[in-house]
Amino acid sequence: MLTIVDAKKSTYNYGVVVKPVKNVSLFYGHSEIALPVANNFSAASVPAFSSGKQNEFGARVRLLDNRLQAGFTYFDIKQSAYSVPNPANLAVPQPNPLFPPLFSDRHAKGWEFEATYEVSKGFTVIGNFTDFTNRDPNNVAFRGTAERSGATWARYEFQGESFKGLSVSLGVNYLGRRPGDQAGGLTAASTPTNVIPNQPSFWLPARTLVDLSFGYTAKSWAFQANVDNIFDKKYLAASINRFLVYPGAGTNLRVSATYKF
């Protein structure tokens, strides 16, 4: 018998911005989402929606004749029925038919900082840093999520007539350690009064990469050369489990040219 899924969900989005003094803005925002999860062929246990709520507030400032712009934001996000791949499908041989995905709630909260600073004419530095937690109901981190990350990018555009249109940029980006697999369930030592959740069995180590870029812009032409991971850093980029880990890319050169007519 075919079951018709008939479900409705209302969502709300609003925010407010206040400027208490010149060059300082305070803001608050609230947003909600609802994405359908179940269909007419889903089991009765599958939730109708994956719902999320986000609250954020912070401040933005402009200083030094607008040469320095900075912002700080605190956020708190809750999501229900977040789809997690079923680890049983990674067995060898692979089950047929495949097991359905698992669903878990998650709670992410933390802060982020970003800034842009024009040090001098033609020389600009931008940067950001984020520190947050992204956990399931048992306070276990999700696979592949780095809870600390940051980056900075410095760009200098030559001002003299001899090198007009030439620019050079240098960037550094950092990604904290990440769970290498998705833990789930409770350990055999758990009791009703002392719940002990399983933890990820391994972690991908933190990594820091350095990138370099050159650019040249003329009246009709534009050239760009990017060198990613200039020091050929060896690192692990992602993983599914202990037996499926992806290495990061080594030094990579990308060149492009654009002509406008």
Protein backbone atom coordinates (compact mmCIF):
# COMPACT_ATOMS: atom_id res chain seq x y z
CA MET A 1 0.00 0.00 0.00
CA LEU A 2 1.32 3.45 -0.93
CA THR A 3 1.48 5.94 1.95
CA ILE A 4 1.16 9.61 1.09
CA VAL A 5 3.48 11.87 3.11
CA ASP A 6 1.59 15.04 4.05
CA ALA A 7 3.62 17.25 6.38
CA LYS A 8 4.06 20.99 6.77
CA LYS A 9 6.67 23.10 8.49
CA SER A 10 6.75 26.87 9.08
CA THR A 11 10.09 28.69 9.16
CA TYR A 12 11.06 32.19 10.22
CA ASN A 13 13.93 34.51 9.33
CA TYR A 14 14.56 37.94 10.82
CA GLY A 15 17.35 40.19 12.01
CA VAL A 16 18.22 43.63 13.29
CA VAL A 17 21.22 45.97 12.89
CA VAL A 18 21.98 48.85 15.28
CA LYS A 19 24.69 51.54 15.01
CA PRO A 20 25.27 52.87 18.54
CA VAL A 21 28.19 55.05 17.41
CA LYS A 22 29.77 55.97 14.11
CA ASN A 23 31.72 53.13 12.46
CA VAL A 24 30.34 50.50 14.88
CA SER A 25 27.46 48.16 14.00
CA LEU A 26 25.81 45.58 16.23
CA PHE A 27 23.64 42.86 14.71
CA TYR A 28 21.45 39.90 15.58
CA GLY A 29 19.90 37.35 13.25
CA HIS A 30 17.60 34.35 13.54
CA SER A 31 16.98 31.86 10.74
CA GLU A 32 15.24 28.50 10.36
CA ILE A 33 15.27 25.82 7.67
CA ALA A 34 13.22 22.72 6.99
CA LEU A 35 14.29 20.20 4.34
CA PRO A 36 12.09 17.21 3.46
CA VAL A 37 13.67 13.88 4.39
CA ALA A 38 10.94 11.26 4.08
CA ASN A 39 9.25 10.19 0.86
CA ASN A 40 6.44 7.79 0.01
CA PHE A 41 8.81 4.81 0.20
CA SER A 42 10.55 5.72 3.48
CA ALA A 43 10.16 3.62 6.59
CA ALA A 44 7.80 4.90 9.27
CA SER A 45 10.79 5.76 11.48
CA VAL A 46 12.23 8.27 9.00
CA PRO A 47 11.47 11.86 10.10
CA ALA A 48 9.47 14.05 7.73
CA PHE A 49 11.90 16.99 7.92
CA SER A 50 15.43 17.88 8.82
CA SER A 51 14.95 21.13 10.71
CA GLY A 52 17.50 23.70 11.76
CA LYS A 53 17.61 26.89 13.82
CA GLN A 54 20.42 29.43 13.92
CA ASN A 55 20.95 32.42 16.18
CA GLU A 56 23.90 34.72 15.69
CA PHE A 57 25.01 38.08 17.01
CA GLY A 58 28.12 40.18 16.75
CA ALA A 59 29.74 43.47 15.87
CA ARG A 60 31.51 45.12 12.95
CA VAL A 61 33.85 48.13 13.17
CA ARG A 62 35.60 50.49 10.76
CA LEU A 63 38.78 52.19 12.01
CA LEU A 64 41.77 54.15 10.73
CA ASP A 65 39.79 56.08 8.10
CA ASN A 66 38.11 52.83 7.01
CA ARG A 67 41.46 51.17 6.26
CA LEU A 68 40.71 48.57 8.96
CA GLN A 69 37.43 46.66 8.91
CA ALA A 70 36.81 43.87 11.40
CA GLY A 71 33.92 41.70 12.49
CA PHE A 72 33.20 39.29 15.32
CA THR A 73 30.30 36.81 15.29
CA TYR A 74 28.98 34.29 17.78
CA PHE A 75 26.64 31.61 16.42
CA ASP A 76 24.53 28.77 17.78
CA ILE A 77 23.03 26.24 15.34
CA LYS A 78 20.84 23.24 16.07
CA GLN A 79 19.75 20.72 13.43
CA SER A 80 17.54 17.67 13.75
CA ALA A 81 17.56 14.54 11.58
CA TYR A 82 21.00 15.19 10.07
CA SER A 83 21.74 12.38 7.62
CA VAL A 84 24.86 10.31 8.40
CA PRO A 85 26.13 7.54 6.02
CA ASN A 86 25.51 4.08 7.44
CA PRO A 87 28.93 2.52 8.24
CA ALA A 88 27.45 -0.94 7.63
CA ASN A 89 27.57 -0.20 3.89
CA LEU A 90 31.38 -0.14 4.03
CA ALA A 91 31.58 -3.87 4.75
CA VAL A 92 33.27 -6.18 2.26
CA PRO A 93 31.45 -7.58 0.42
CA GLN A 94 29.06 -4.63 0.30
CA PRO A 95 25.52 -5.48 1.46
CA ASN A 96 22.81 -5.70 -1.17
CA PRO A 97 20.49 -3.91 -0.78
CA LEU A 98 22.33 -1.12 1.02
CA PHE A 99 21.36 -0.17 4.54
CA PRO A 100 19.46 3.15 4.80
CA PRO A 101 21.25 6.27 6.11
CA LEU A 102 21.25 7.03 9.81
CA PHE A 103 19.82 10.22 11.29
CA SER A 104 21.28 12.24 14.14
CA ASP A 105 20.73 15.63 15.73
CA ARG A 106 23.68 17.99 15.90
CA HIS A 107 24.58 21.19 17.72
CA ALA A 108 27.22 23.62 16.46
CA LYS A 109 28.24 26.72 18.38
CA GLY A 110 31.25 28.99 18.47
CA TRP A 111 32.70 32.22 17.17
CA GLU A 112 34.50 33.60 14.15
CA PHE A 113 36.64 36.68 13.54
CA GLU A 114 37.47 38.33 10.22
CA ALA A 115 39.38 41.47 9.31
CA THR A 116 40.66 43.44 6.32
CA TYR A 117 43.51 45.92 6.75
CA GLU A 118 44.94 48.24 4.11
CA VAL A 119 48.44 48.58 5.50
CA SER A 120 49.46 51.09 2.84
CA LYS A 121 48.41 51.99 -0.67
CA GLY A 122 48.45 48.79 -2.69
CA PHE A 123 49.18 46.52 0.30
CA THR A 124 46.19 44.74 1.85
CA VAL A 125 45.96 41.91 4.38
CA ILE A 126 42.79 39.90 5.08
CA GLY A 127 42.32 37.13 7.62
CA ASN A 128 39.82 35.03 9.52
CA PHE A 129 39.72 32.52 12.36
CA THR A 130 36.94 30.20 13.55
CA ASP A 131 36.65 28.22 16.77
CA PHE A 132 33.51 26.13 17.31
CA THR A 133 32.14 22.71 18.26
CA ASN A 134 29.97 20.53 16.02
CA ARG A 135 28.66 17.57 18.02
CA ASP A 136 25.96 14.91 18.13
CA PRO A 137 23.64 14.43 21.15
CA ASN A 138 26.41 12.42 22.89
CA ASN A 139 28.90 15.29 22.39
CA VAL A 140 30.86 13.31 19.78
CA ALA A 141 32.45 15.25 16.91
CA PHE A 142 31.36 14.57 13.33
CA ARG A 143 33.66 12.99 10.75
CA GLY A 144 35.69 15.45 8.69
CA THR A 145 34.83 18.51 10.78
CA ALA A 146 37.75 20.71 11.82
CA GLU A 147 36.60 22.72 14.82
CA ARG A 148 39.42 25.23 14.41
CA SER A 149 40.46 26.89 11.18
CA GLY A 150 42.06 30.11 10.03
CA ALA A 151 43.58 31.81 7.03
CA THR A 152 45.36 35.00 6.07
CA TRP A 153 46.06 36.48 2.64
CA ALA A 154 48.41 39.37 1.89
CA ARG A 155 48.34 41.13 -1.50
CA TYR A 156 50.65 43.83 -2.81
CA GLU A 157 49.96 45.74 -6.02
CA PHE A 158 52.96 47.66 -7.34
CA GLN A 159 52.38 51.39 -7.62
CA GLY A 160 55.25 52.62 -9.80
CA GLU A 161 54.77 53.15 -13.54
CA SER A 162 57.43 50.56 -14.36
CA PHE A 163 55.45 47.75 -12.69
CA LYS A 164 51.94 49.14 -12.97
CA GLY A 165 49.34 46.35 -13.02
CA LEU A 166 51.61 43.77 -11.40
CA SER A 167 50.57 42.17 -8.11
CA VAL A 168 51.86 39.42 -5.84
CA SER A 169 49.97 37.60 -3.08
CA LEU A 170 50.92 35.18 -0.32
CA GLY A 171 48.44 33.16 1.74
CA VAL A 172 48.53 30.77 4.68
CA ASN A 173 45.59 28.58 5.65
CA TYR A 174 45.24 26.33 8.68
CA LEU A 175 42.84 23.45 9.32
CA GLY A 176 42.68 21.77 12.73
CA ARG A 177 42.52 18.04 13.34
CA ARG A 178 39.38 16.19 12.19
CA PRO A 179 37.76 12.87 13.13
CA GLY A 180 38.70 10.29 10.51
CA ASP A 181 35.53 8.23 10.87
CA GLN A 182 32.03 8.59 12.25
CA ALA A 183 31.55 7.13 15.71
CA GLY A 184 28.14 5.96 16.79
CA GLY A 185 26.40 4.11 19.58
CA LEU A 186 27.53 3.44 23.14
CA THR A 187 30.32 1.31 24.56
CA ALA A 188 29.60 -2.01 26.26
CA ALA A 189 30.65 -0.41 29.56
CA SER A 190 27.73 2.06 29.46
CA THR A 191 25.02 1.90 32.12
CA PRO A 192 21.69 3.73 32.41
CA THR A 193 23.31 6.21 34.80
CA ASN A 194 26.71 6.40 33.08
CA VAL A 195 26.46 6.67 29.31
CA ILE A 196 29.82 6.23 27.52
CA PRO A 197 29.57 6.98 23.78
CA ASN A 198 31.95 5.51 21.21
CA GLN A 199 34.60 7.95 19.99
CA PRO A 200 36.26 8.30 16.56
CA SER A 201 38.90 5.60 16.16
CA PHE A 202 41.44 7.98 14.58
CA TRP A 203 41.95 11.63 13.66
CA LEU A 204 43.38 13.36 10.61
CA PRO A 205 46.17 15.66 11.87
CA ALA A 206 46.04 19.43 11.54
CA ARG A 207 47.71 20.94 8.50
CA THR A 208 48.97 24.36 7.35
CA LEU A 209 49.42 25.22 3.66
CA VAL A 210 51.11 28.17 1.97
CA ASP A 211 49.95 29.48 -1.43
CA LEU A 212 51.47 32.05 -3.78
CA SER A 213 49.90 34.09 -6.56
CA PHE A 214 51.09 36.50 -9.27
CA GLY A 215 48.87 38.72 -11.38
CA TYR A 216 49.24 41.27 -14.16
CA THR A 217 46.49 43.47 -15.58
CA ALA A 218 46.86 45.64 -18.67
CA LYS A 219 44.31 47.55 -20.71
CA SER A 220 42.84 44.48 -22.41
CA TRP A 221 44.83 41.59 -20.97
CA ALA A 222 44.91 39.94 -17.56
CA PHE A 223 47.32 37.17 -16.53
CA GLN A 224 47.13 35.10 -13.35
CA ALA A 225 49.45 32.43 -11.95
CA ASN A 226 48.69 30.53 -8.75
CA VAL A 227 51.03 28.12 -6.97
CA ASP A 228 49.11 26.06 -4.42
CA ASN A 229 50.96 24.37 -1.56
CA ILE A 230 54.29 25.89 -2.56
CA PHE A 231 56.26 23.85 0.00
CA ASP A 232 54.75 20.57 -1.23
CA LYS A 233 53.33 19.81 2.22
CA LYS A 234 52.34 16.17 2.70
CA TYR A 235 48.98 15.89 4.46
CA LEU A 236 45.75 13.90 4.62
CA ALA A 237 42.84 15.74 3.04
CA ALA A 238 39.82 13.57 3.90
CA SER A 239 38.70 10.10 4.92
CA ILE A 240 35.69 7.82 5.17
CA ASN A 241 37.25 5.32 7.59
CA ARG A 242 40.64 3.79 8.37
CA PHE A 243 40.67 1.94 5.05
CA LEU A 244 39.66 4.87 2.83
CA VAL A 245 41.87 7.94 3.39
CA TYR A 246 42.59 10.55 0.71
CA PRO A 247 46.00 12.30 0.51
CA GLY A 248 46.17 16.03 -0.09
CA ALA A 249 47.37 17.55 -3.36
CA GLY A 250 51.02 18.51 -3.65
CA THR A 251 52.40 21.64 -5.29
CA ASN A 252 50.10 22.67 -8.12
CA LEU A 253 50.55 25.45 -10.71
CA ARG A 254 47.54 27.09 -12.36
CA VAL A 255 47.92 29.74 -15.07
CA SER A 256 45.21 31.72 -16.85
CA ALA A 257 44.99 34.56 -19.37
CA THR A 258 41.97 36.76 -20.16
CA TYR A 259 41.47 39.13 -23.08
CA LYS A 260 38.63 41.66 -23.16
CA PHE A 261 37.32 42.97 -26.50
